[in-house]
Amino acid sequence: MSNYSRIVHEDEKLIISIIDNAIVVKLLVDNNLLISSWHNGGYHENMVNVVNQSLIPADYPVIEELKSKNFQIQKFKEMGLDSDKSTGLITSANMDYFSVSTKSYKQLKVITIATAGADKNAVKAGDNASFYEHDNNYQSITGTINIITFIDANLDAGALATALITLTEAKTSVLEDLKVGSNYSTHIATGTGTDGACVISNTSSDNHLENAGKHSKLGELIANSVREAVFDALYLQTGMCTQYQKTVLSRLSRFNVTFDDFYKNAEGISLEDYAQSFYHFNNDEYYVSWISCTINLMDEYQQGLLDLKDITKPIIQLTNCFLSSDKKVGEFKSISQIIDYLIDSVNTFIIDK
């Protein structure tokens, strides 16, 4: 069976190709790596291929039958790759929406390849679990940020582990910067529930480095290449970007607040008139600033930095100031009570206006 294939990056150290619905990084130098793979996972030396495999609907029952490790082996063989010298990640992201970012300083170079989707599977570490695994039985993969980072320098195993930490923190910082909400709580996500990562070093290099932490230049290059690649991949896959967050509803979405929640609590106004007024309110960055300030106070409470009694007065004062209101309420008892107050205040403002 012939495979669709095209090269998207090539140099003397590696070749990045798309083969069918997978990205294949072919390593042309001696190497070591750390990877969260089912097949050939963990620490390995002198792998030839690192694969980011996109799933199609027909793959899910095969995974259920074969389990993830054997599924990967089968896919490697279908692509004509030596499964003993191949390892990889699995995702539901479209391979057409991959991103490559290269960062360099003097003789040091870092290349990151990423695919990313966080609209359905975003989660903050510590949120309630969505499955329980027993004896390798658990639910299928539904959305992922996968990152492969190649470092053109020679790192020992311990430095690779530090590089993986830097990579992971860089990914999380993108979600924090975009204020991507968890799909499993009202917190900001730190990743998705099925993220995969691989960090590779060139052991043929004469440049031996022992530090890949955030104080090091290598750590800076890793973080910036990962951040750029993940930012781009999230936008390409789902349209997620800074502009996406510049509405009142987008900021409130992680509290499961929708347009319907506003309108069903509005009285004395038609849907058409309300929708028109709400559209302008929702997209006005002045009011986005207000809701952002308010949500930050709510997060301070959720994180245990402030009590509800500490944020009650500031939220009321902010709301009255931004919405030209003099609404008076007692002390808030819960986050849901704050949400109800915000919806009521917005409706009063829209209808009176």
Protein backbone atom coordinates (compact mmCIF):
# COMPACT_ATOMS: atom_id res chain seq x y z
CA MET A 1 0.00 0.00 0.00
CA SER A 2 1.43 3.39 -1.05
CA ASN A 3 1.48 6.27 1.37
CA TYR A 4 0.93 9.98 0.79
CA SER A 5 4.13 11.73 1.82
CA ARG A 6 5.62 15.22 1.72
CA ILE A 7 8.64 16.78 3.39
CA VAL A 8 7.96 19.95 5.40
CA HIS A 9 11.45 20.50 6.86
CA GLU A 10 14.85 19.07 6.04
CA ASP A 11 18.39 19.70 7.23
CA GLU A 12 21.49 17.62 8.01
CA LYS A 13 20.14 16.64 11.46
CA LEU A 14 16.53 15.66 10.80
CA ILE A 15 13.74 15.40 8.24
CA ILE A 16 10.14 16.27 9.12
CA SER A 17 7.56 14.67 6.84
CA ILE A 18 3.82 14.20 6.74
CA ILE A 19 3.03 10.58 5.89
CA ASP A 20 -0.71 9.99 5.50
CA ASN A 21 -2.19 11.46 8.70
CA ALA A 22 1.00 11.49 10.75
CA ILE A 23 4.03 13.72 11.23
CA VAL A 24 7.26 11.74 11.14
CA VAL A 25 10.52 13.17 12.44
CA LYS A 26 13.40 11.13 11.00
CA LEU A 27 16.55 11.60 13.05
CA LEU A 28 19.79 11.62 11.04
CA VAL A 29 22.16 11.90 14.02
CA ASP A 30 22.90 9.89 17.12
CA ASN A 31 20.40 10.89 19.76
CA ASN A 32 18.77 10.30 23.08
CA LEU A 33 15.22 11.19 24.02
CA LEU A 34 12.46 11.16 26.60
CA ILE A 35 8.94 10.53 25.35
CA SER A 36 5.47 9.80 26.71
CA SER A 37 4.83 7.01 24.23
CA TRP A 38 3.15 3.62 24.73
CA HIS A 39 5.63 1.88 22.43
CA ASN A 40 9.29 2.61 23.17
CA GLY A 41 8.26 5.13 25.79
CA GLY A 42 10.54 6.73 28.38
CA TYR A 43 14.28 7.15 27.83
CA HIS A 44 15.86 5.74 24.66
CA GLU A 45 19.00 6.17 22.63
CA ASN A 46 19.38 6.27 18.86
CA MET A 47 15.76 6.15 17.81
CA VAL A 48 15.26 6.76 14.09
CA ASN A 49 11.65 7.95 13.93
CA VAL A 50 9.46 10.01 16.24
CA VAL A 51 5.84 10.02 15.08
CA ASN A 52 2.86 12.22 15.91
CA GLN A 53 -0.10 10.10 14.77
CA SER A 54 -3.48 11.67 14.09
CA LEU A 55 -6.47 9.41 14.68
CA ILE A 56 -9.36 8.96 12.27
CA PRO A 57 -12.76 7.57 13.40
CA ALA A 58 -11.88 4.08 12.15
CA ASP A 59 -8.85 3.99 14.47
CA TYR A 60 -10.77 4.08 17.74
CA PRO A 61 -12.19 0.54 17.64
CA VAL A 62 -8.74 -0.71 16.57
CA ILE A 63 -7.17 0.94 19.64
CA GLU A 64 -9.85 -0.65 21.81
CA GLU A 65 -9.01 -4.06 20.37
CA LEU A 66 -5.21 -3.84 20.13
CA LYS A 67 -4.49 -1.36 22.96
CA SER A 68 -2.41 1.74 22.32
CA LYS A 69 1.05 0.14 22.17
CA ASN A 70 0.12 -2.46 19.55
CA PHE A 71 -1.87 0.14 17.63
CA GLN A 72 1.27 2.30 17.39
CA ILE A 73 3.36 -0.65 16.21
CA GLN A 74 0.80 -1.43 13.52
CA LYS A 75 0.73 2.19 12.32
CA PHE A 76 4.53 2.35 12.18
CA LYS A 77 4.62 -0.75 10.02
CA GLU A 78 1.89 0.62 7.72
CA MET A 79 4.07 3.68 7.14
CA GLY A 80 7.09 1.51 6.36
CA LEU A 81 8.93 2.41 9.57
CA ASP A 82 11.03 0.07 11.69
CA SER A 83 8.88 -0.30 14.82
CA ASP A 84 11.92 -1.23 16.93
CA LYS A 85 13.47 2.14 16.12
CA SER A 86 10.28 4.20 16.21
CA THR A 87 8.31 5.84 18.99
CA GLY A 88 5.53 8.38 19.01
CA LEU A 89 2.53 10.30 20.22
CA ILE A 90 -1.18 10.04 19.41
CA THR A 91 -3.65 12.88 18.89
CA SER A 92 -7.01 13.74 17.37
CA ALA A 93 -5.61 17.00 15.92
CA ASN A 94 -5.43 17.50 12.18
CA MET A 95 -1.87 17.13 10.85
CA ASP A 96 -2.50 19.94 8.36
CA TYR A 97 -2.51 22.31 11.34
CA PHE A 98 0.93 21.52 12.71
CA SER A 99 3.39 24.26 13.61
CA VAL A 100 7.19 24.32 13.52
CA SER A 101 9.22 26.87 15.47
CA THR A 102 13.01 27.23 15.37
CA LYS A 103 14.98 29.29 17.90
CA SER A 104 18.74 29.82 17.74
CA TYR A 105 21.52 31.51 19.71
CA LYS A 106 25.13 31.36 18.48
CA GLN A 107 25.78 27.62 17.80
CA LEU A 108 22.70 26.44 19.71
CA LYS A 109 19.43 25.60 17.94
CA VAL A 110 16.08 24.22 19.11
CA ILE A 111 13.27 23.04 16.83
CA THR A 112 9.74 22.36 18.11
CA ILE A 113 6.93 20.66 16.19
CA ALA A 114 3.47 20.93 17.75
CA THR A 115 -0.14 20.04 17.13
CA ALA A 116 -2.69 21.36 19.56
CA GLY A 117 -6.37 21.27 20.38
CA ALA A 118 -7.69 22.36 23.76
CA ASP A 119 -11.33 23.22 23.13
CA LYS A 120 -12.82 19.90 24.29
CA ASN A 121 -10.25 18.33 26.60
CA ALA A 122 -8.60 21.19 28.51
CA VAL A 123 -8.02 20.42 32.18
CA LYS A 124 -6.19 21.83 35.17
CA ALA A 125 -3.94 19.42 37.01
CA GLY A 126 -5.92 18.34 40.06
CA ASP A 127 -9.40 18.62 38.47
CA ASN A 128 -11.79 15.70 38.92
CA ALA A 129 -10.70 12.76 36.78
CA SER A 130 -12.64 11.81 33.66
CA PHE A 131 -11.71 8.11 33.74
CA TYR A 132 -10.31 5.36 35.95
CA GLU A 133 -7.79 2.99 34.41
CA HIS A 134 -7.58 -0.63 35.50
CA ASP A 135 -5.38 -3.16 33.76
CA ASN A 136 -4.91 -0.89 30.72
CA ASN A 137 -8.63 -0.38 30.13
CA TYR A 138 -9.83 3.22 29.81
CA GLN A 139 -11.59 5.61 27.46
CA SER A 140 -10.25 6.75 24.08
CA ILE A 141 -8.25 9.88 23.36
CA THR A 142 -10.34 12.96 22.51
CA GLY A 143 -8.04 15.98 22.22
CA THR A 144 -4.39 16.70 22.76
CA ILE A 145 -1.44 19.07 22.75
CA ASN A 146 1.52 17.10 21.37
CA ILE A 147 5.02 18.58 21.36
CA ILE A 148 8.26 17.25 19.87
CA THR A 149 11.36 19.33 20.60
CA PHE A 150 14.76 18.65 19.03
CA ILE A 151 17.81 20.19 20.72
CA ASP A 152 20.94 20.47 18.60
CA ALA A 153 23.24 19.82 21.56
CA ASN A 154 24.32 16.80 23.60
CA LEU A 155 22.34 16.34 26.84
CA ASP A 156 22.59 13.57 29.41
CA ALA A 157 19.42 11.88 30.68
CA GLY A 158 19.07 14.22 33.67
CA ALA A 159 19.30 17.33 31.48
CA LEU A 160 16.70 15.81 29.15
CA ALA A 161 14.36 15.46 32.12
CA THR A 162 14.92 19.12 32.99
CA ALA A 163 14.26 20.05 29.36
CA LEU A 164 10.97 18.15 29.55
CA ILE A 165 10.01 20.17 32.63
CA THR A 166 10.81 23.43 30.82
CA LEU A 167 8.83 22.28 27.78
CA THR A 168 5.81 21.42 29.92
CA GLU A 169 5.85 24.70 31.82
CA ALA A 170 6.09 26.59 28.52
CA LYS A 171 3.02 24.78 27.20
CA THR A 172 1.10 25.57 30.39
CA SER A 173 2.10 29.22 30.18
CA VAL A 174 0.41 29.48 26.76
CA LEU A 175 -2.89 28.20 28.18
CA GLU A 176 -2.57 30.58 31.13
CA ASP A 177 -1.81 33.53 28.82
CA LEU A 178 -4.85 32.72 26.68
CA LYS A 179 -6.93 32.04 29.82
CA VAL A 180 -8.11 28.72 28.37
CA GLY A 181 -10.73 27.33 30.71
CA SER A 182 -10.75 23.76 31.98
CA ASN A 183 -13.58 21.64 30.63
CA TYR A 184 -13.76 19.92 34.01
CA SER A 185 -13.78 22.83 36.46
CA THR A 186 -14.00 26.62 36.60
CA HIS A 187 -10.22 26.99 36.68
CA ILE A 188 -7.75 27.92 33.93
CA ALA A 189 -6.39 24.79 32.24
CA THR A 190 -2.79 23.68 32.53
CA GLY A 191 -2.99 21.29 29.57
CA THR A 192 -5.34 18.68 28.14
CA GLY A 193 -6.00 15.29 29.67
CA THR A 194 -4.04 13.47 26.97
CA ASP A 195 -1.02 15.67 26.23
CA GLY A 196 2.11 14.06 24.85
CA ALA A 197 5.69 15.31 24.76
CA CYS A 198 9.06 14.28 23.41
CA VAL A 199 12.41 16.00 23.91
CA ILE A 200 15.39 14.88 21.83
CA SER A 201 19.07 15.77 22.00
CA ASN A 202 21.81 15.35 19.41
CA THR A 203 24.41 13.12 21.06
CA SER A 204 26.64 13.48 17.97
CA SER A 205 27.16 17.12 18.91
CA ASP A 206 30.43 18.23 20.51
CA ASN A 207 28.43 20.79 22.49
CA HIS A 208 27.66 19.01 25.77
CA LEU A 209 25.17 20.88 27.97
CA GLU A 210 24.08 19.96 31.48
CA ASN A 211 21.45 22.65 32.17
CA ALA A 212 18.11 23.00 30.40
CA GLY A 213 16.36 24.92 33.18
CA LYS A 214 14.66 28.28 32.83
CA HIS A 215 17.74 30.28 33.88
CA SER A 216 19.78 28.82 31.02
CA LYS A 217 19.89 30.05 27.44
CA LEU A 218 18.91 26.56 26.32
CA GLY A 219 15.86 26.70 28.60
CA GLU A 220 14.91 30.07 27.10
CA LEU A 221 15.15 28.68 23.57
CA ILE A 222 13.13 25.58 24.48
CA ALA A 223 10.41 27.63 26.12
CA ASN A 224 10.16 30.19 23.32
CA SER A 225 10.08 27.58 20.56
CA VAL A 226 7.41 25.59 22.44
CA ARG A 227 5.35 28.69 23.19
CA GLU A 228 5.43 29.89 19.59
CA ALA A 229 4.59 26.45 18.17
CA VAL A 230 1.73 25.84 20.63
CA PHE A 231 0.27 29.33 20.12
CA ASP A 232 0.28 28.79 16.35
CA ALA A 233 -1.05 25.22 16.52
CA LEU A 234 -3.93 26.18 18.83
CA TYR A 235 -4.94 28.93 16.43
CA LEU A 236 -4.67 26.72 13.35
CA GLN A 237 -6.63 23.84 14.91
CA THR A 238 -9.38 25.68 16.81
CA GLY A 239 -9.03 29.43 16.18
CA MET A 240 -7.93 29.95 19.78
CA CYS A 241 -6.01 33.22 20.15
CA THR A 242 -5.93 36.47 22.12
CA GLN A 243 -8.69 37.97 19.96
CA TYR A 244 -10.89 34.96 20.74
CA GLN A 245 -10.86 35.96 24.41
CA LYS A 246 -11.90 39.57 23.84
CA THR A 247 -15.58 39.10 24.66
CA VAL A 248 -17.49 38.98 27.92
CA LEU A 249 -18.92 35.54 27.12
CA SER A 250 -15.54 34.01 26.29
CA ARG A 251 -14.24 35.10 29.70
CA LEU A 252 -17.32 33.66 31.44
CA SER A 253 -17.35 30.41 29.45
CA ARG A 254 -15.34 28.45 32.02
CA PHE A 255 -18.15 29.17 34.49
CA ASN A 256 -20.55 27.61 31.93
CA VAL A 257 -22.29 30.95 31.29
CA THR A 258 -23.88 31.36 27.85
CA PHE A 259 -26.00 33.93 26.04
CA ASP A 260 -29.10 31.92 26.99
CA ASP A 261 -28.28 32.38 30.68
CA PHE A 262 -28.43 36.12 30.18
CA TYR A 263 -31.56 36.28 28.02
CA LYS A 264 -33.67 33.86 30.05
CA ASN A 265 -33.22 36.17 33.03
CA ALA A 266 -34.11 39.32 31.07
CA GLU A 267 -37.66 40.67 31.17
CA GLY A 268 -39.58 43.14 29.04
CA ILE A 269 -37.39 42.96 25.92
CA SER A 270 -37.63 40.94 22.71
CA LEU A 271 -34.96 38.45 21.76
CA GLU A 272 -34.03 40.49 18.69
CA ASP A 273 -33.59 43.73 20.63
CA TYR A 274 -31.76 42.02 23.46
CA ALA A 275 -29.40 40.16 21.11
CA GLN A 276 -28.50 43.37 19.31
CA SER A 277 -27.75 45.24 22.54
CA PHE A 278 -25.92 42.29 24.05
CA TYR A 279 -23.76 41.89 20.95
CA HIS A 280 -22.33 45.39 21.37
CA PHE A 281 -21.92 44.92 25.13
CA ASN A 282 -20.26 41.52 24.70
CA ASN A 283 -17.66 42.82 22.23
CA ASP A 284 -16.87 46.10 24.00
CA GLU A 285 -13.37 45.77 25.48
CA TYR A 286 -14.32 48.24 28.20
CA TYR A 287 -16.77 45.69 29.60
CA VAL A 288 -14.36 42.82 28.89
CA SER A 289 -11.95 44.65 31.19
CA TRP A 290 -14.63 44.81 33.88
CA ILE A 291 -15.46 41.12 33.70
CA SER A 292 -11.75 40.25 33.62
CA CYS A 293 -11.16 42.17 36.87
CA THR A 294 -14.16 40.48 38.45
CA ILE A 295 -13.16 36.98 37.37
CA ASN A 296 -9.67 37.54 38.71
CA LEU A 297 -11.16 38.21 42.14
CA MET A 298 -13.25 35.05 41.79
CA ASP A 299 -10.08 33.10 40.96
CA GLU A 300 -8.36 34.55 44.02
CA TYR A 301 -11.20 33.08 46.08
CA GLN A 302 -11.08 29.72 44.27
CA GLN A 303 -7.35 29.49 44.91
CA GLY A 304 -7.76 30.29 48.60
CA LEU A 305 -5.96 33.63 48.40
CA LEU A 306 -9.04 35.63 49.45
CA ASP A 307 -12.30 34.86 51.23
CA LEU A 308 -15.72 35.56 49.74
CA LYS A 309 -16.20 38.38 52.22
CA ASP A 310 -12.97 39.96 50.92
CA ILE A 311 -14.12 40.06 47.29
CA THR A 312 -17.79 41.02 47.82
CA LYS A 313 -17.32 44.77 48.14
CA PRO A 314 -14.71 45.12 45.34
CA ILE A 315 -16.91 43.19 42.90
CA ILE A 316 -19.96 45.29 43.73
CA GLN A 317 -17.98 48.52 43.44
CA LEU A 318 -16.45 47.45 40.12
CA THR A 319 -19.84 46.50 38.73
CA ASN A 320 -21.51 49.69 39.85
CA CYS A 321 -18.66 51.74 38.39
CA PHE A 322 -18.50 50.04 34.99
CA LEU A 323 -22.26 49.63 34.56
CA SER A 324 -23.23 53.01 36.06
CA SER A 325 -25.31 51.21 38.67
CA ASP A 326 -26.07 51.63 42.35
CA LYS A 327 -27.26 48.07 42.93
CA LYS A 328 -26.85 46.97 46.53
CA VAL A 329 -26.49 43.35 47.65
CA GLY A 330 -25.41 41.53 50.76
CA GLU A 331 -22.32 39.39 51.14
CA PHE A 332 -21.85 36.71 48.50
CA LYS A 333 -22.12 33.12 49.73
CA SER A 334 -20.89 31.28 46.62
CA ILE A 335 -19.45 31.66 43.12
CA SER A 336 -22.86 30.84 41.63
CA GLN A 337 -24.37 33.74 43.58
CA ILE A 338 -21.75 36.06 42.11
CA ILE A 339 -22.58 34.80 38.59
CA ASP A 340 -26.29 35.44 39.20
CA TYR A 341 -25.45 38.95 40.41
CA LEU A 342 -23.34 39.67 37.30
CA ILE A 343 -26.07 38.42 34.94
CA ASP A 344 -28.72 40.47 36.73
CA SER A 345 -26.52 43.58 36.68
CA VAL A 346 -25.81 43.24 32.96
CA ASN A 347 -29.49 42.74 32.15
CA THR A 348 -30.46 45.81 34.16
CA PHE A 349 -27.82 47.83 32.34
CA ILE A 350 -28.85 46.61 28.86
CA ILE A 351 -32.58 47.05 29.40
CA ASP A 352 -32.30 50.48 31.07
CA LYS A 353 -29.96 51.66 28.36
